[in-house]
Amino acid sequence: LKEAYIKARGMGLSIDLDQFGYEINPEIRVHMDSCLEDTPDRWRFFRFSPEADYHAAIAVQGYAEEVWRFHVYRCVPFVRIDRINRTLHC
């Protein structure tokens, strides 16, 4: 989740990882230090497993949709690409 957020902000590790954190119970709540100049209500966070033993997280800014559809691909270079669809609920 932290990696998804810092990549979405486009600031990389210039964001101190101690400046924000998450509670997962089972919904995801983020806590942010005021020095980030950001607010949790601007973000939606998702966790999912596209396949067994694989985990992913996504950070989306500025949307309040109820249902999201992400396209996930399984890729074996030079062999095949399979699309795995996932629908996530906010």
Protein backbone atom coordinates (compact mmCIF):
# COMPACT_ATOMS: atom_id res chain seq x y z
CA LEU A 1 0.00 0.00 0.00
CA LYS A 2 2.79 2.42 0.79
CA GLU A 3 4.49 1.70 -2.53
CA ALA A 4 1.20 2.26 -4.38
CA TYR A 5 0.74 5.65 -2.68
CA ILE A 6 4.26 6.97 -3.26
CA LYS A 7 4.14 5.87 -6.91
CA ALA A 8 0.73 7.52 -7.37
CA ARG A 9 2.11 10.76 -5.93
CA GLY A 10 5.08 10.54 -8.32
CA MET A 11 7.54 11.51 -5.61
CA GLY A 12 9.26 8.21 -4.95
CA LEU A 13 11.16 7.79 -1.72
CA SER A 14 11.36 11.55 -1.20
CA ILE A 15 8.21 10.81 0.83
CA ASP A 16 9.30 9.52 4.22
CA LEU A 17 7.59 6.17 4.84
CA ASP A 18 7.04 7.17 8.48
CA GLN A 19 4.81 10.09 7.39
CA PHE A 20 1.82 7.86 6.65
CA GLY A 21 0.40 4.50 7.60
CA TYR A 22 -2.63 2.26 7.22
CA GLU A 23 -5.22 0.49 9.37
CA ILE A 24 -6.84 -2.53 7.77
CA ASN A 25 -9.95 -3.71 9.58
CA PRO A 26 -11.08 -5.00 6.89
CA GLU A 27 -11.49 -1.63 5.12
CA ILE A 28 -8.34 0.39 4.48
CA ARG A 29 -7.90 3.66 6.37
CA VAL A 30 -4.85 5.83 5.85
CA HIS A 31 -3.31 8.26 8.34
CA MET A 32 -1.13 11.05 6.96
CA ASP A 33 1.22 13.52 8.59
CA SER A 34 0.29 17.14 7.79
CA CYS A 35 3.75 17.70 6.23
CA LEU A 36 2.62 15.54 3.26
CA GLU A 37 0.22 18.32 2.23
CA ASP A 38 -2.35 15.66 1.36
CA THR A 39 -5.54 14.30 2.89
CA PRO A 40 -6.79 10.70 3.10
CA ASP A 41 -10.24 11.59 1.70
CA ARG A 42 -8.62 12.26 -1.71
CA TRP A 43 -7.59 8.61 -2.08
CA ARG A 44 -9.03 5.13 -2.53
CA PHE A 45 -6.84 2.12 -1.80
CA PHE A 46 -7.36 -1.44 -2.97
CA ARG A 47 -5.64 -4.72 -2.13
CA PHE A 48 -6.22 -7.89 -4.09
CA SER A 49 -4.65 -11.15 -5.17
CA PRO A 50 -4.70 -11.56 -8.95
CA GLU A 51 -3.66 -15.19 -8.45
CA ALA A 52 -2.70 -17.46 -5.58
CA ASP A 53 0.53 -16.32 -3.90
CA TYR A 54 0.49 -12.92 -5.66
CA HIS A 55 -0.62 -9.72 -3.96
CA ALA A 56 -1.16 -6.22 -5.32
CA ALA A 57 -2.18 -2.78 -4.08
CA ILE A 58 -3.55 0.19 -5.99
CA ALA A 59 -3.88 3.85 -4.97
CA VAL A 60 -6.40 5.96 -6.92
CA GLN A 61 -6.72 9.71 -6.39
CA GLY A 62 -9.92 11.71 -6.52
CA TYR A 63 -12.64 9.19 -7.36
CA ALA A 64 -15.53 7.90 -5.29
CA GLU A 65 -16.84 5.13 -7.54
CA GLU A 66 -18.56 2.16 -5.93
CA VAL A 67 -17.18 -0.53 -8.25
CA TRP A 68 -13.87 -0.62 -10.11
CA ARG A 69 -12.74 -2.93 -12.90
CA PHE A 70 -9.02 -3.39 -13.29
CA HIS A 71 -7.34 -5.30 -16.07
CA VAL A 72 -4.57 -7.50 -14.81
CA TYR A 73 -2.31 -9.44 -17.14
CA ARG A 74 -0.30 -12.58 -16.57
CA CYS A 75 2.73 -12.36 -18.84
CA VAL A 76 5.37 -14.92 -19.69
CA PRO A 77 7.78 -13.00 -21.94
CA PHE A 78 7.89 -14.30 -25.50
CA VAL A 79 5.40 -17.06 -24.62
CA ARG A 80 1.95 -15.66 -23.80
CA ILE A 81 -0.11 -12.92 -22.18
CA ASP A 82 -3.40 -13.72 -20.43
CA ARG A 83 -5.84 -11.08 -19.20
CA ILE A 84 -7.26 -11.61 -15.72
CA ASN A 85 -10.23 -9.33 -14.95
CA ARG A 86 -10.98 -8.27 -11.40
CA THR A 87 -13.86 -6.19 -10.06
CA LEU A 88 -13.14 -4.44 -6.76
CA HIS A 89 -15.69 -2.87 -4.46
CA CYS A 90 -14.90 0.33 -2.64
